[in-house]
């Protein structure tokens, strides 16, 4: 019988963004199984937190996670289910969206 693989914390990062970069905090938490030369992500939580932009949902402007047994997106206090293809694609979407939010916030300051 094969050895049972344990889920472990793969990444836990927290970055405080400068005002020039939009301010706020980027937070990444990823858990998974590593074995046989591959990594399988089993749980994740990606968040862009900025209380200046959003006061709801503990300041979470944008987030993606798979808590509560489904993949979903948090945006300015709302939660919606998302189609999930892979963690990597979800991570790329998160990166694009938070950067776009910051860009739009900066543009609105200069209007």
PDB file of N, CA and C in Angstrom:
ATOM      1  N   UNK A   1       0.849  -1.187   0.000  1.00  0.00           N
ATOM      2  CA  UNK A   1       0.000   0.000   0.000  1.00  0.00           C
ATOM      3  C   UNK A   1       0.887   1.240   0.000  1.00  0.00           C
ATOM      4  N   UNK A   2       0.531   2.268  -0.786  1.00  0.00           N
ATOM      5  CA  UNK A   2       1.344   3.475  -0.931  1.00  0.00           C
ATOM      6  C   UNK A   2       1.291   4.355   0.302  1.00  0.00           C
ATOM      7  N   UNK A   3       2.325   5.152   0.442  1.00  0.00           N
ATOM      8  CA  UNK A   3       2.415   6.106   1.544  1.00  0.00           C
ATOM      9  C   UNK A   3       1.446   7.263   1.299  1.00  0.00           C
ATOM     10  N   UNK A   4       0.665   7.607   2.297  1.00  0.00           N
ATOM     11  CA  UNK A   4      -0.297   8.707   2.175  1.00  0.00           C
ATOM     12  C   UNK A   4       0.445  10.037   2.183  1.00  0.00           C
ATOM     13  N   UNK A   5       0.121  10.887   1.216  1.00  0.00           N
ATOM     14  CA  UNK A   5       0.792  12.184   1.103  1.00  0.00           C
ATOM     15  C   UNK A   5       0.072  13.220   1.964  1.00  0.00           C
ATOM     16  N   UNK A   6       0.852  14.052   2.609  1.00  0.00           N
ATOM     17  CA  UNK A   6       0.324  15.080   3.497  1.00  0.00           C
ATOM     18  C   UNK A   6       0.197  16.411   2.771  1.00  0.00           C
ATOM     19  N   UNK A   7      -0.909  17.099   3.029  1.00  0.00           N
ATOM     20  CA  UNK A   7      -1.059  18.462   2.537  1.00  0.00           C
ATOM     21  C   UNK A   7      -0.190  19.360   3.400  1.00  0.00           C
ATOM     22  N   UNK A   8       0.550  20.254   2.738  1.00  0.00           N
ATOM     23  CA  UNK A   8       1.396  21.171   3.502  1.00  0.00           C
ATOM     24  C   UNK A   8       1.320  22.571   2.909  1.00  0.00           C
ATOM     25  N   UNK A   9       1.687  23.532   3.735  1.00  0.00           N
ATOM     26  CA  UNK A   9       1.720  24.922   3.292  1.00  0.00           C
ATOM     27  C   UNK A   9       2.864  25.082   2.300  1.00  0.00           C
ATOM     28  N   UNK A  10       2.542  25.495   1.084  1.00  0.00           N
ATOM     29  CA  UNK A  10       3.538  25.656   0.027  1.00  0.00           C
ATOM     30  C   UNK A  10       4.052  27.087  -0.049  1.00  0.00           C
ATOM     31  N   UNK A  11       3.165  28.029   0.230  1.00  0.00           N
ATOM     32  CA  UNK A  11       3.542  29.439   0.121  1.00  0.00           C
ATOM     33  C   UNK A  11       2.665  30.269   1.042  1.00  0.00           C
ATOM     34  N   UNK A  12       3.289  31.181   1.745  1.00  0.00           N
ATOM     35  CA  UNK A  12       2.551  32.158   2.545  1.00  0.00           C
ATOM     36  C   UNK A  12       3.352  33.440   2.461  1.00  0.00           C
ATOM     37  N   UNK A  13       2.839  34.385   1.699  1.00  0.00           N
ATOM     38  CA  UNK A  13       3.528  35.660   1.458  1.00  0.00           C
ATOM     39  C   UNK A  13       2.590  36.813   1.758  1.00  0.00           C
ATOM     40  N   UNK A  14       3.169  37.895   2.207  1.00  0.00           N
ATOM     41  CA  UNK A  14       2.417  39.120   2.468  1.00  0.00           C
ATOM     42  C   UNK A  14       3.297  40.283   2.040  1.00  0.00           C
ATOM     43  N   UNK A  15       2.788  41.077   1.115  1.00  0.00           N
ATOM     44  CA  UNK A  15       3.539  42.212   0.590  1.00  0.00           C
ATOM     45  C   UNK A  15       2.764  43.495   0.858  1.00  0.00           C
ATOM     46  N   UNK A  16       3.411  44.454   1.486  1.00  0.00           N
ATOM     47  CA  UNK A  16       2.803  45.769   1.657  1.00  0.00           C
ATOM     48  C   UNK A  16       3.210  46.615   0.463  1.00  0.00           C
ATOM     49  N   UNK A  17       2.217  47.082  -0.276  1.00  0.00           N
ATOM     50  CA  UNK A  17       2.476  47.862  -1.478  1.00  0.00           C
ATOM     51  C   UNK A  17       2.686  49.332  -1.127  1.00  0.00           C
ATOM     52  N   UNK A  18       3.647  49.939  -1.794  1.00  0.00           N
ATOM     53  CA  UNK A  18       3.890  51.367  -1.590  1.00  0.00           C
ATOM     54  C   UNK A  18       2.718  52.161  -2.159  1.00  0.00           C
ATOM     55  N   UNK A  19       2.593  53.401  -1.743  1.00  0.00           N
ATOM     56  CA  UNK A  19       1.536  54.272  -2.277  1.00  0.00           C
ATOM     57  C   UNK A  19       1.663  54.381  -3.789  1.00  0.00           C
ATOM     58  N   UNK A  20       2.900  54.421  -4.287  1.00  0.00           N
ATOM     59  CA  UNK A  20       3.147  54.506  -5.725  1.00  0.00           C
ATOM     60  C   UNK A  20       2.608  53.265  -6.454  1.00  0.00           C
ATOM     61  N   UNK A  21       2.606  52.135  -5.766  1.00  0.00           N
ATOM     62  CA  UNK A  21       2.103  50.877  -6.347  1.00  0.00           C
ATOM     63  C   UNK A  21       0.635  50.648  -6.021  1.00  0.00           C
ATOM     64  N   UNK A  22      -0.043  51.651  -5.499  1.00  0.00           N
ATOM     65  CA  UNK A  22      -1.468  51.546  -5.221  1.00  0.00           C
ATOM     66  C   UNK A  22      -1.816  51.376  -3.759  1.00  0.00           C
ATOM     67  N   UNK A  23      -0.822  51.105  -2.927  1.00  0.00           N
ATOM     68  CA  UNK A  23      -1.086  50.901  -1.510  1.00  0.00           C
ATOM     69  C   UNK A  23      -1.793  49.588  -1.247  1.00  0.00           C
ATOM     70  N   UNK A  24      -1.957  49.272   0.000  1.00  0.00           N
ATOM     71  CA  UNK A  24      -2.646  48.040   0.374  1.00  0.00           C
ATOM     72  C   UNK A  24      -1.698  46.882   0.563  1.00  0.00           C
ATOM     73  N   UNK A  25      -2.279  45.700   0.622  1.00  0.00           N
ATOM     74  CA  UNK A  25      -1.536  44.482   0.910  1.00  0.00           C
ATOM     75  C   UNK A  25      -1.918  43.395  -0.092  1.00  0.00           C
ATOM     76  N   UNK A  26      -0.917  42.677  -0.575  1.00  0.00           N
ATOM     77  CA  UNK A  26      -1.136  41.463  -1.358  1.00  0.00           C
ATOM     78  C   UNK A  26      -0.820  40.294  -0.445  1.00  0.00           C
ATOM     79  N   UNK A  27      -1.695  39.319  -0.427  1.00  0.00           N
ATOM     80  CA  UNK A  27      -1.506  38.178   0.456  1.00  0.00           C
ATOM     81  C   UNK A  27      -1.773  36.885  -0.315  1.00  0.00           C
ATOM     82  N   UNK A  28      -0.847  35.931  -0.190  1.00  0.00           N
ATOM     83  CA  UNK A  28      -0.956  34.647  -0.872  1.00  0.00           C
ATOM     84  C   UNK A  28      -0.787  33.528   0.135  1.00  0.00           C
ATOM     85  N   UNK A  29      -1.701  32.577   0.143  1.00  0.00           N
ATOM     86  CA  UNK A  29      -1.573  31.369   0.944  1.00  0.00           C
ATOM     87  C   UNK A  29      -1.963  30.199   0.052  1.00  0.00           C
ATOM     88  N   UNK A  30      -1.044  29.236  -0.062  1.00  0.00           N
ATOM     89  CA  UNK A  30      -1.273  28.103  -0.952  1.00  0.00           C
ATOM     90  C   UNK A  30      -0.859  26.823  -0.233  1.00  0.00           C
ATOM     91  N   UNK A  31      -1.744  25.826  -0.241  1.00  0.00           N
ATOM     92  CA  UNK A  31      -1.467  24.525   0.344  1.00  0.00           C
ATOM     93  C   UNK A  31      -1.549  23.466  -0.734  1.00  0.00           C
ATOM     94  N   UNK A  32      -0.815  22.383  -0.552  1.00  0.00           N
ATOM     95  CA  UNK A  32      -0.883  21.326  -1.542  1.00  0.00           C
ATOM     96  C   UNK A  32      -0.101  20.092  -1.154  1.00  0.00           C
ATOM     97  N   UNK A  33       0.018  19.219  -2.130  1.00  0.00           N
ATOM     98  CA  UNK A  33       0.724  17.953  -1.977  1.00  0.00           C
ATOM     99  C   UNK A  33       1.870  17.950  -2.966  1.00  0.00           C
ATOM    100  N   UNK A  34       3.056  17.632  -2.480  1.00  0.00           N
ATOM    101  CA  UNK A  34       4.240  17.543  -3.327  1.00  0.00           C
ATOM    102  C   UNK A  34       4.712  16.098  -3.299  1.00  0.00           C
ATOM    103  N   UNK A  35       4.875  15.531  -4.482  1.00  0.00           N
ATOM    104  CA  UNK A  35       5.352  14.156  -4.540  1.00  0.00           C
ATOM    105  C   UNK A  35       5.484  13.682  -5.960  1.00  0.00           C
ATOM    106  N   UNK A  36       6.364  12.735  -6.156  1.00  0.00           N
ATOM    107  CA  UNK A  36       6.578  12.144  -7.486  1.00  0.00           C
ATOM    108  C   UNK A  36       6.854  13.206  -8.544  1.00  0.00           C
ATOM    109  N   UNK A  37       7.581  14.254  -8.166  1.00  0.00           N
ATOM    110  CA  UNK A  37       7.970  15.281  -9.119  1.00  0.00           C
ATOM    111  C   UNK A  37       6.881  16.257  -9.510  1.00  0.00           C
ATOM    112  N   UNK A  38       5.756  16.234  -8.812  1.00  0.00           N
ATOM    113  CA  UNK A  38       4.697  17.189  -9.152  1.00  0.00           C
ATOM    114  C   UNK A  38       4.102  17.809  -7.895  1.00  0.00           C
ATOM    115  N   UNK A  39       3.493  18.966  -8.091  1.00  0.00           N
ATOM    116  CA  UNK A  39       2.825  19.677  -7.008  1.00  0.00           C
ATOM    117  C   UNK A  39       1.354  19.814  -7.363  1.00  0.00           C
ATOM    118  N   UNK A  40       0.500  19.434  -6.437  1.00  0.00           N
ATOM    119  CA  UNK A  40      -0.941  19.560  -6.624  1.00  0.00           C
ATOM    120  C   UNK A  40      -1.456  20.545  -5.583  1.00  0.00           C
ATOM    121  N   UNK A  41      -1.980  21.676  -6.040  1.00  0.00           N
ATOM    122  CA  UNK A  41      -2.540  22.679  -5.132  1.00  0.00           C
ATOM    123  C   UNK A  41      -3.924  22.201  -4.708  1.00  0.00           C
ATOM    124  N   UNK A  42      -4.119  22.103  -3.394  1.00  0.00           N
ATOM    125  CA  UNK A  42      -5.401  21.640  -2.874  1.00  0.00           C
ATOM    126  C   UNK A  42      -6.240  22.765  -2.279  1.00  0.00           C
ATOM    127  N   UNK A  43      -5.567  23.813  -1.842  1.00  0.00           N
ATOM    128  CA  UNK A  43      -6.277  24.929  -1.217  1.00  0.00           C
ATOM    129  C   UNK A  43      -5.494  26.207  -1.461  1.00  0.00           C
ATOM    130  N   UNK A  44      -6.199  27.317  -1.682  1.00  0.00           N
ATOM    131  CA  UNK A  44      -5.522  28.589  -1.921  1.00  0.00           C
ATOM    132  C   UNK A  44      -6.386  29.751  -1.446  1.00  0.00           C
ATOM    133  N   UNK A  45      -5.711  30.863  -1.161  1.00  0.00           N
ATOM    134  CA  UNK A  45      -6.371  32.102  -0.779  1.00  0.00           C
ATOM    135  C   UNK A  45      -5.482  33.240  -1.283  1.00  0.00           C
ATOM    136  N   UNK A  46      -5.969  33.978  -2.253  1.00  0.00           N
ATOM    137  CA  UNK A  46      -5.247  35.104  -2.844  1.00  0.00           C
ATOM    138  C   UNK A  46      -6.056  36.362  -2.547  1.00  0.00           C
ATOM    139  N   UNK A  47      -5.418  37.392  -2.032  1.00  0.00           N
ATOM    140  CA  UNK A  47      -6.188  38.584  -1.656  1.00  0.00           C
ATOM    141  C   UNK A  47      -5.414  39.868  -1.902  1.00  0.00           C
ATOM    142  N   UNK A  48      -6.142  40.874  -2.381  1.00  0.00           N
ATOM    143  CA  UNK A  48      -5.652  42.253  -2.436  1.00  0.00           C
ATOM    144  C   UNK A  48      -6.510  43.023  -1.446  1.00  0.00           C
ATOM    145  N   UNK A  49      -5.884  43.557  -0.407  1.00  0.00           N
ATOM    146  CA  UNK A  49      -6.577  44.239   0.674  1.00  0.00           C
ATOM    147  C   UNK A  49      -6.166  45.709   0.651  1.00  0.00           C
ATOM    148  N   UNK A  50      -7.164  46.577   0.628  1.00  0.00           N
ATOM    149  CA  UNK A  50      -6.883  48.009   0.657  1.00  0.00           C
ATOM    150  C   UNK A  50      -8.108  48.710   1.247  1.00  0.00           C
ATOM    151  N   UNK A  51      -8.022  49.076   2.516  1.00  0.00           N
ATOM    152  CA  UNK A  51      -9.152  49.702   3.212  1.00  0.00           C
ATOM    153  C   UNK A  51      -9.520  51.063   2.627  1.00  0.00           C
ATOM    154  N   UNK A  52      -8.607  51.697   1.918  1.00  0.00           N
ATOM    155  CA  UNK A  52      -8.906  52.978   1.278  1.00  0.00           C
ATOM    156  C   UNK A  52      -9.904  52.788   0.136  1.00  0.00           C
ATOM    157  N   UNK A  53      -9.816  51.642  -0.538  1.00  0.00           N
ATOM    158  CA  UNK A  53     -10.694  51.363  -1.681  1.00  0.00           C
ATOM    159  C   UNK A  53     -11.981  50.674  -1.241  1.00  0.00           C
ATOM    160  N   UNK A  54     -11.882  49.743  -0.291  1.00  0.00           N
ATOM    161  CA  UNK A  54     -13.039  48.945   0.118  1.00  0.00           C
ATOM    162  C   UNK A  54     -13.056  48.780   1.637  1.00  0.00           C
ATOM    163  N   UNK A  55     -14.163  49.112   2.264  1.00  0.00           N
ATOM    164  CA  UNK A  55     -14.284  48.961   3.700  1.00  0.00           C
ATOM    165  C   UNK A  55     -15.020  47.678   4.086  1.00  0.00           C
ATOM    166  N   UNK A  56     -15.630  47.015   3.127  1.00  0.00           N
ATOM    167  CA  UNK A  56     -16.340  45.761   3.397  1.00  0.00           C
ATOM    168  C   UNK A  56     -15.374  44.583   3.346  1.00  0.00           C
ATOM    169  N   UNK A  57     -15.820  43.429   3.814  1.00  0.00           N
ATOM    170  CA  UNK A  57     -15.065  42.175   3.689  1.00  0.00           C
ATOM    171  C   UNK A  57     -13.629  42.319   4.224  1.00  0.00           C
ATOM    172  N   UNK A  58     -13.504  43.005   5.364  1.00  0.00           N
ATOM    173  CA  UNK A  58     -12.195  43.236   5.994  1.00  0.00           C
ATOM    174  C   UNK A  58     -11.202  43.940   5.078  1.00  0.00           C
ATOM    175  N   UNK A  59     -11.719  44.790   4.189  1.00  0.00           N
ATOM    176  CA  UNK A  59     -10.856  45.549   3.287  1.00  0.00           C
ATOM    177  C   UNK A  59     -10.419  44.795   2.053  1.00  0.00           C
ATOM    178  N   UNK A  60     -10.952  43.592   1.867  1.00  0.00           N
ATOM    179  CA  UNK A  60     -10.562  42.789   0.697  1.00  0.00           C
ATOM    180  C   UNK A  60     -11.223  43.379  -0.543  1.00  0.00           C
ATOM    181  N   UNK A  61     -10.413  43.988  -1.375  1.00  0.00           N
ATOM    182  CA  UNK A  61     -10.882  44.554  -2.635  1.00  0.00           C
ATOM    183  C   UNK A  61     -11.144  43.418  -3.616  1.00  0.00           C
ATOM    184  N   UNK A  62     -10.200  42.484  -3.666  1.00  0.00           N
ATOM    185  CA  UNK A  62     -10.262  41.368  -4.604  1.00  0.00           C
ATOM    186  C   UNK A  62      -9.679  40.139  -3.942  1.00  0.00           C
ATOM    187  N   UNK A  63     -10.289  39.001  -4.175  1.00  0.00           N
ATOM    188  CA  UNK A  63      -9.737  37.767  -3.644  1.00  0.00           C
ATOM    189  C   UNK A  63     -10.261  36.561  -4.397  1.00  0.00           C
ATOM    190  N   UNK A  64      -9.459  35.532  -4.415  1.00  0.00           N
ATOM    191  CA  UNK A  64      -9.861  34.250  -4.985  1.00  0.00           C
ATOM    192  C   UNK A  64      -9.506  33.174  -3.970  1.00  0.00           C
ATOM    193  N   UNK A  65     -10.423  32.241  -3.729  1.00  0.00           N
ATOM    194  CA  UNK A  65     -10.106  31.119  -2.855  1.00  0.00           C
ATOM    195  C   UNK A  65     -11.053  29.963  -3.137  1.00  0.00           C
ATOM    196  N   UNK A  66     -10.741  28.833  -2.502  1.00  0.00           N
ATOM    197  CA  UNK A  66     -11.602  27.668  -2.681  1.00  0.00           C
ATOM    198  C   UNK A  66     -12.068  27.128  -1.328  1.00  0.00           C
ATOM    199  N   UNK A  67     -12.247  28.020  -0.371  1.00  0.00           N
ATOM    200  CA  UNK A  67     -12.823  27.629   0.915  1.00  0.00           C
ATOM    201  C   UNK A  67     -14.294  27.272   0.711  1.00  0.00           C
ATOM    202  N   UNK A  68     -14.862  26.603   1.653  1.00  0.00           N
ATOM    203  CA  UNK A  68     -16.287  26.238   1.620  1.00  0.00           C
ATOM    204  C   UNK A  68     -16.622  25.328   0.446  1.00  0.00           C
ATOM    205  N   UNK A  69     -15.629  24.570  -0.022  1.00  0.00           N
ATOM    206  CA  UNK A  69     -15.817  23.539  -1.057  1.00  0.00           C
ATOM    207  C   UNK A  69     -16.224  24.055  -2.442  1.00  0.00           C
ATOM    208  N   UNK A  70     -15.905  25.312  -2.742  1.00  0.00           N
ATOM    209  CA  UNK A  70     -16.090  25.769  -4.117  1.00  0.00           C
ATOM    210  C   UNK A  70     -15.136  26.931  -4.403  1.00  0.00           C
ATOM    211  N   UNK A  71     -14.816  27.095  -5.679  1.00  0.00           N
ATOM    212  CA  UNK A  71     -13.911  28.157  -6.124  1.00  0.00           C
ATOM    213  C   UNK A  71     -14.739  29.426  -6.303  1.00  0.00           C
ATOM    214  N   UNK A  72     -14.252  30.528  -5.716  1.00  0.00           N
ATOM    215  CA  UNK A  72     -15.016  31.765  -5.814  1.00  0.00           C
ATOM    216  C   UNK A  72     -14.118  32.987  -5.781  1.00  0.00           C
ATOM    217  N   UNK A  73     -14.746  34.106  -6.172  1.00  0.00           N
ATOM    218  CA  UNK A  73     -14.078  35.395  -6.288  1.00  0.00           C
ATOM    219  C   UNK A  73     -14.771  36.386  -5.377  1.00  0.00           C
ATOM    220  N   UNK A  74     -13.986  37.100  -4.600  1.00  0.00           N
ATOM    221  CA  UNK A  74     -14.483  38.200  -3.776  1.00  0.00           C
ATOM    222  C   UNK A  74     -14.139  39.493  -4.517  1.00  0.00           C
ATOM    223  N   UNK A  75     -15.104  40.398  -4.597  1.00  0.00           N
ATOM    224  CA  UNK A  75     -14.835  41.701  -5.199  1.00  0.00           C
ATOM    225  C   UNK A  75     -15.684  42.747  -4.495  1.00  0.00           C
ATOM    226  N   UNK A  76     -15.031  43.642  -3.772  1.00  0.00           N
ATOM    227  CA  UNK A  76     -15.683  44.776  -3.116  1.00  0.00           C
ATOM    228  C   UNK A  76     -16.915  44.362  -2.309  1.00  0.00           C
ATOM    229  N   UNK A  77     -16.803  43.293  -1.548  1.00  0.00           N
ATOM    230  CA  UNK A  77     -17.895  42.872  -0.674  1.00  0.00           C
ATOM    231  C   UNK A  77     -18.857  41.866  -1.265  1.00  0.00           C
ATOM    232  N   UNK A  78     -18.705  41.522  -2.535  1.00  0.00           N
ATOM    233  CA  UNK A  78     -19.572  40.506  -3.137  1.00  0.00           C
ATOM    234  C   UNK A  78     -18.760  39.236  -3.373  1.00  0.00           C
ATOM    235  N   UNK A  79     -19.467  38.106  -3.431  1.00  0.00           N
ATOM    236  CA  UNK A  79     -18.820  36.820  -3.670  1.00  0.00           C
ATOM    237  C   UNK A  79     -19.575  36.126  -4.792  1.00  0.00           C
ATOM    238  N   UNK A  80     -18.806  35.575  -5.758  1.00  0.00           N
ATOM    239  CA  UNK A  80     -19.435  34.845  -6.862  1.00  0.00           C
ATOM    240  C   UNK A  80     -18.609  33.612  -7.185  1.00  0.00           C
ATOM    241  N   UNK A  81     -19.291  32.542  -7.550  1.00  0.00           N
ATOM    242  CA  UNK A  81     -18.605  31.321  -7.970  1.00  0.00           C
ATOM    243  C   UNK A  81     -17.877  31.592  -9.280  1.00  0.00           C
ATOM    244  N   UNK A  82     -16.725  30.934  -9.461  1.00  0.00           N
ATOM    245  CA  UNK A  82     -15.974  31.080 -10.708  1.00  0.00           C
ATOM    246  C   UNK A  82     -15.710  29.705 -11.309  1.00  0.00           C
ATOM    247  N   UNK A  83     -15.505  29.695 -12.605  1.00  0.00           N
ATOM    248  CA  UNK A  83     -15.074  28.475 -13.274  1.00  0.00           C
ATOM    249  C   UNK A  83     -13.595  28.303 -12.965  1.00  0.00           C
ATOM    250  N   UNK A  84     -13.230  27.124 -12.530  1.00  0.00           N
ATOM    251  CA  UNK A  84     -11.838  26.865 -12.153  1.00  0.00           C
ATOM    252  C   UNK A  84     -11.236  25.849 -13.114  1.00  0.00           C
ATOM    253  N   UNK A  85     -10.150  26.246 -13.779  1.00  0.00           N
ATOM    254  CA  UNK A  85      -9.435  25.345 -14.677  1.00  0.00           C
ATOM    255  C   UNK A  85      -8.188  24.826 -13.982  1.00  0.00           C
ATOM    256  N   UNK A  86      -7.427  25.758 -13.397  1.00  0.00           N
ATOM    257  CA  UNK A  86      -6.216  25.384 -12.669  1.00  0.00           C
ATOM    258  C   UNK A  86      -5.860  26.508 -11.708  1.00  0.00           C
ATOM    259  N   UNK A  87      -5.062  26.177 -10.704  1.00  0.00           N
ATOM    260  CA  UNK A  87      -4.600  27.202  -9.779  1.00  0.00           C
ATOM    261  C   UNK A  87      -3.787  28.253 -10.532  1.00  0.00           C
ATOM    262  N   UNK A  88      -2.935  27.812 -11.441  1.00  0.00           N
ATOM    263  CA  UNK A  88      -2.081  28.739 -12.189  1.00  0.00           C
ATOM    264  C   UNK A  88      -2.905  29.766 -12.958  1.00  0.00           C
ATOM    265  N   UNK A  89      -3.982  29.314 -13.586  1.00  0.00           N
ATOM    266  CA  UNK A  89      -4.833  30.260 -14.328  1.00  0.00           C
ATOM    267  C   UNK A  89      -5.559  31.217 -13.379  1.00  0.00           C
ATOM    268  N   UNK A  90      -5.981  30.721 -12.232  1.00  0.00           N
ATOM    269  CA  UNK A  90      -6.634  31.574 -11.246  1.00  0.00           C
ATOM    270  C   UNK A  90      -5.647  32.610 -10.728  1.00  0.00           C
ATOM    271  N   UNK A  91      -4.408  32.185 -10.461  1.00  0.00           N
ATOM    272  CA  UNK A  91      -3.375  33.104  -9.996  1.00  0.00           C
ATOM    273  C   UNK A  91      -3.105  34.188 -11.040  1.00  0.00           C
ATOM    274  N   UNK A  92      -3.012  33.820 -12.311  1.00  0.00           N
ATOM    275  CA  UNK A  92      -2.792  34.805 -13.380  1.00  0.00           C
ATOM    276  C   UNK A  92      -3.951  35.793 -13.467  1.00  0.00           C
ATOM    277  N   UNK A  93      -5.171  35.292 -13.321  1.00  0.00           N
ATOM    278  CA  UNK A  93      -6.345  36.172 -13.349  1.00  0.00           C
ATOM    279  C   UNK A  93      -6.285  37.149 -12.174  1.00  0.00           C
ATOM    280  N   UNK A  94      -5.946  36.647 -10.994  1.00  0.00           N
ATOM    281  CA  UNK A  94      -5.821  37.506  -9.819  1.00  0.00           C
ATOM    282  C   UNK A  94      -4.798  38.599 -10.068  1.00  0.00           C
ATOM    283  N   UNK A  95      -3.642  38.250 -10.608  1.00  0.00           N
ATOM    284  CA  UNK A  95      -2.586  39.226 -10.878  1.00  0.00           C
ATOM    285  C   UNK A  95      -3.081  40.319 -11.836  1.00  0.00           C
ATOM    286  N   UNK A  96      -3.715  39.910 -12.925  1.00  0.00           N
ATOM    287  CA  UNK A  96      -4.235  40.886 -13.905  1.00  0.00           C
ATOM    288  C   UNK A  96      -5.263  41.811 -13.261  1.00  0.00           C
ATOM    289  N   UNK A  97      -6.191  41.223 -12.506  1.00  0.00           N
ATOM    290  CA  UNK A  97      -7.292  42.016 -11.960  1.00  0.00           C
ATOM    291  C   UNK A  97      -6.833  43.001 -10.899  1.00  0.00           C
ATOM    292  N   UNK A  98      -5.957  42.599  -9.959  1.00  0.00           N
ATOM    293  CA  UNK A  98      -5.556  43.567  -8.930  1.00  0.00           C
ATOM    294  C   UNK A  98      -4.734  44.685  -9.558  1.00  0.00           C
ATOM    295  N   UNK A  99      -3.906  44.357 -10.554  1.00  0.00           N
ATOM    296  CA  UNK A  99      -3.121  45.401 -11.210  1.00  0.00           C
ATOM    297  C   UNK A  99      -4.025  46.362 -11.968  1.00  0.00           C
ATOM    298  N   UNK A 100      -5.084  45.847 -12.573  1.00  0.00           N
ATOM    299  CA  UNK A 100      -6.038  46.695 -13.286  1.00  0.00           C
ATOM    300  C   UNK A 100      -6.799  47.597 -12.304  1.00  0.00           C
ATOM    301  N   UNK A 101      -7.156  47.070 -11.145  1.00  0.00           N
ATOM    302  CA  UNK A 101      -7.835  47.878 -10.120  1.00  0.00           C
ATOM    303  C   UNK A 101      -6.949  49.047  -9.707  1.00  0.00           C
ATOM    304  N   UNK A 102      -5.680  48.757  -9.443  1.00  0.00           N
ATOM    305  CA  UNK A 102      -4.742  49.805  -9.033  1.00  0.00           C
ATOM    306  C   UNK A 102      -4.586  50.838 -10.144  1.00  0.00           C
ATOM    307  N   UNK A 103      -4.480  50.386 -11.389  1.00  0.00           N
ATOM    308  CA  UNK A 103      -4.338  51.302 -12.530  1.00  0.00           C
ATOM    309  C   UNK A 103      -5.568  52.211 -12.641  1.00  0.00           C
ATOM    310  N   UNK A 104      -6.749  51.641 -12.512  1.00  0.00           N
ATOM    311  CA  UNK A 104      -7.976  52.442 -12.595  1.00  0.00           C
ATOM    312  C   UNK A 104      -8.073  53.431 -11.441  1.00  0.00           C
ATOM    313  N   UNK A 105      -7.657  53.034 -10.237  1.00  0.00           N
ATOM    314  CA  UNK A 105      -7.660  53.940  -9.086  1.00  0.00           C
ATOM    315  C   UNK A 105      -6.722  55.117  -9.344  1.00  0.00           C
ATOM    316  N   UNK A 106      -5.552  54.832  -9.895  1.00  0.00           N
ATOM    317  CA  UNK A 106      -4.574  55.890 -10.169  1.00  0.00           C
ATOM    318  C   UNK A 106      -5.102  56.850 -11.241  1.00  0.00           C
ATOM    319  N   UNK A 107      -5.727  56.289 -12.282  1.00  0.00           N
ATOM    320  CA  UNK A 107      -6.273  57.125 -13.350  1.00  0.00           C
ATOM    321  C   UNK A 107      -7.391  58.020 -12.833  1.00  0.00           C
ATOM    322  N   UNK A 108      -8.199  57.508 -11.904  1.00  0.00           N
ATOM    323  CA  UNK A 108      -9.307  58.308 -11.380  1.00  0.00           C
ATOM    324  C   UNK A 108      -8.803  59.459 -10.504  1.00  0.00           C
ATOM    325  N   UNK A 109      -7.623  59.300  -9.929  1.00  0.00           N
ATOM    326  CA  UNK A 109      -7.024  60.396  -9.141  1.00  0.00           C
ATOM    327  C   UNK A 109      -6.627  61.569 -10.019  1.00  0.00           C
ATOM    328  N   UNK A 110      -6.308  61.300 -11.283  1.00  0.00           N
ATOM    329  CA  UNK A 110      -5.793  62.321 -12.175  1.00  0.00           C
ATOM    330  C   UNK A 110      -6.872  62.925 -13.064  1.00  0.00           C
ATOM    331  N   UNK A 111      -8.117  62.604 -12.810  1.00  0.00           N
ATOM    332  CA  UNK A 111      -9.211  63.170 -13.618  1.00  0.00           C
ATOM    333  C   UNK A 111      -9.625  64.518 -13.111  1.00  0.00           C
TER     334      UNK A 111
END
